[in-house]
Amino acid sequence: MIILDTCVILEAFRKKGKGAKISPATDQLRQMIEDDWPIAIPGIVLQEFLTGFRSDRSIQQTLDLISGFPRILAEEDDHILGARIRSICLKKGLAATGIDCLIAATAINRNGRLFTFDQDFVHISKVCHLKLFSQL
């Protein structure tokens, strides 16, 4: 399963001006959707993505756009592993947020690969069993 990170969703679904170039990550995500890859969005990523919308209408329109992606709601095991990952990161001198560690734990506990271009996850993956999705 491919787990989407906030940066990938923001890049793919934010409004772009006319003539704007499609990013490689967006193009790759679109191809994965067309090829029916198993893709899911963690609940915390959904929250991060929707943060900043100014109206319920905008939120609903966005939810309609991403309605085909299954959601993964964090369970107790995810929170516990997320806390452990953050503790390990802090001991190693890595600045990892609690949210990023929860996203990593969600992917690990489901044997998924995280689709991200956030370099913080590269560092996190070096101290735990996080598998990253290799982008083209």
Protein backbone atom coordinates (compact mmCIF):
# COMPACT_ATOMS: atom_id res chain seq x y z
CA MET A 1 0.00 0.00 0.00
CA ILE A 2 1.16 3.53 -0.76
CA ILE A 3 0.56 6.04 2.03
CA LEU A 4 0.34 9.66 0.88
CA ASP A 5 2.08 12.41 2.81
CA THR A 6 0.68 15.91 3.10
CA CYS A 7 3.23 17.48 0.75
CA VAL A 8 2.23 15.13 -2.10
CA ILE A 9 -1.49 15.84 -1.68
CA LEU A 10 -0.89 19.58 -1.42
CA GLU A 11 1.21 19.52 -4.58
CA ALA A 12 -1.32 17.43 -6.51
CA PHE A 13 -4.53 19.14 -5.46
CA ARG A 14 -3.68 22.79 -4.92
CA LYS A 15 -4.98 25.22 -7.48
CA LYS A 16 -2.43 26.25 -10.06
CA GLY A 17 -2.49 29.16 -12.46
CA LYS A 18 -2.90 28.79 -16.19
CA GLY A 19 0.13 27.36 -17.89
CA ALA A 20 1.58 26.03 -14.63
CA LYS A 21 3.76 23.00 -15.09
CA ILE A 22 2.66 19.72 -13.49
CA SER A 23 5.23 18.49 -10.99
CA PRO A 24 6.80 15.04 -11.38
CA ALA A 25 5.18 13.93 -8.09
CA THR A 26 1.73 15.00 -9.31
CA ASP A 27 2.25 13.31 -12.64
CA GLN A 28 3.39 10.13 -10.90
CA LEU A 29 0.42 10.18 -8.50
CA ARG A 30 -1.99 10.61 -11.41
CA GLN A 31 -0.43 7.63 -13.17
CA MET A 32 -0.68 5.54 -10.01
CA ILE A 33 -4.37 6.43 -9.71
CA GLU A 34 -4.97 5.48 -13.35
CA ASP A 35 -3.14 2.17 -12.80
CA ASP A 36 -5.28 1.51 -9.70
CA TRP A 37 -2.45 1.33 -7.16
CA PRO A 38 -3.53 0.79 -3.53
CA ILE A 39 -3.28 4.33 -2.15
CA ALA A 40 -4.49 5.62 1.23
CA ILE A 41 -4.45 8.84 3.23
CA PRO A 42 -3.79 8.87 6.98
CA GLY A 43 -6.36 10.84 8.96
CA ILE A 44 -3.69 13.21 10.28
CA VAL A 45 -2.60 13.94 6.70
CA LEU A 46 -6.21 14.71 5.80
CA GLN A 47 -6.36 17.16 8.71
CA GLU A 48 -3.10 18.84 7.70
CA PHE A 49 -4.31 19.08 4.10
CA LEU A 50 -7.62 20.69 5.05
CA THR A 51 -6.05 23.13 7.49
CA GLY A 52 -6.21 26.61 6.10
CA PHE A 53 -9.38 26.25 4.05
CA ARG A 54 -11.55 29.21 4.92
CA SER A 55 -15.01 27.81 4.29
CA ASP A 56 -16.97 24.64 4.80
CA ARG A 57 -17.78 24.74 1.10
CA SER A 58 -14.08 24.65 0.16
CA ILE A 59 -13.49 21.79 2.58
CA GLN A 60 -16.42 19.82 1.13
CA GLN A 61 -15.29 20.41 -2.47
CA THR A 62 -11.83 19.17 -1.57
CA LEU A 63 -13.21 16.14 0.27
CA ASP A 64 -15.24 15.32 -2.84
CA LEU A 65 -12.04 15.44 -4.92
CA ILE A 66 -10.23 12.96 -2.72
CA SER A 67 -13.22 10.79 -1.80
CA GLY A 68 -11.84 7.77 -3.67
CA PHE A 69 -8.83 7.43 -1.40
CA PRO A 70 -9.37 5.18 1.63
CA ARG A 71 -8.54 6.81 4.97
CA ILE A 72 -6.36 5.26 7.63
CA LEU A 73 -7.31 6.34 11.11
CA ALA A 74 -4.55 6.11 13.68
CA GLU A 75 -4.94 3.44 16.32
CA GLU A 76 -3.30 3.14 19.71
CA ASP A 77 -0.39 1.11 18.27
CA ASP A 78 0.29 3.91 15.79
CA HIS A 79 0.47 6.52 18.54
CA ILE A 80 2.74 4.35 20.66
CA LEU A 81 5.11 3.63 17.77
CA GLY A 82 5.00 7.31 16.75
CA ALA A 83 6.11 8.29 20.25
CA ARG A 84 8.91 5.72 20.15
CA ILE A 85 10.09 6.96 16.76
CA ARG A 86 10.12 10.56 18.00
CA SER A 87 12.08 9.56 21.08
CA ILE A 88 14.67 7.76 18.94
CA CYS A 89 14.90 10.75 16.60
CA LEU A 90 15.46 13.14 19.50
CA LYS A 91 18.19 10.89 20.92
CA LYS A 92 19.89 10.92 17.50
CA GLY A 93 19.62 14.71 17.25
CA LEU A 94 16.96 14.65 14.52
CA ALA A 95 14.23 17.25 14.59
CA ALA A 96 11.11 15.19 13.86
CA THR A 97 7.62 16.45 14.65
CA GLY A 98 5.11 14.32 16.47
CA ILE A 99 2.85 14.45 13.41
CA ASP A 100 5.60 13.20 11.09
CA CYS A 101 6.37 10.38 13.51
CA LEU A 102 2.68 9.42 13.60
CA ILE A 103 2.57 9.39 9.78
CA ALA A 104 5.68 7.19 9.75
CA ALA A 105 4.20 4.84 12.35
CA THR A 106 0.96 4.58 10.37
CA ALA A 107 2.90 3.51 7.29
CA ILE A 108 5.12 1.08 9.21
CA ASN A 109 2.25 -0.62 11.03
CA ARG A 110 0.48 -1.25 7.73
CA ASN A 111 3.61 -2.36 5.90
CA GLY A 112 3.10 0.53 3.52
CA ARG A 113 5.48 2.80 1.68
CA LEU A 114 5.26 6.52 2.29
CA PHE A 115 5.01 8.70 -0.83
CA THR A 116 6.66 11.96 0.17
CA PHE A 117 9.30 14.39 -0.94
CA ASP A 118 9.75 15.80 2.56
CA GLN A 119 13.40 15.17 3.43
CA ASP A 120 12.56 14.85 7.13
CA PHE A 121 11.20 11.39 6.35
CA VAL A 122 14.50 10.35 4.78
CA HIS A 123 16.13 11.05 8.14
CA ILE A 124 13.32 9.36 10.07
CA SER A 125 13.63 6.26 7.86
CA LYS A 126 17.25 5.86 8.95
CA VAL A 127 16.24 5.27 12.58
CA CYS A 128 13.17 3.06 12.11
CA HIS A 129 11.60 0.64 9.64
CA LEU A 130 9.90 3.30 7.51
CA LYS A 131 9.84 2.40 3.83
CA LEU A 132 9.73 5.29 1.39
CA PHE A 133 8.14 5.12 -2.03
CA SER A 134 10.77 5.63 -4.71
CA GLN A 135 9.76 8.45 -6.98
CA LEU A 136 10.69 8.52 -10.64
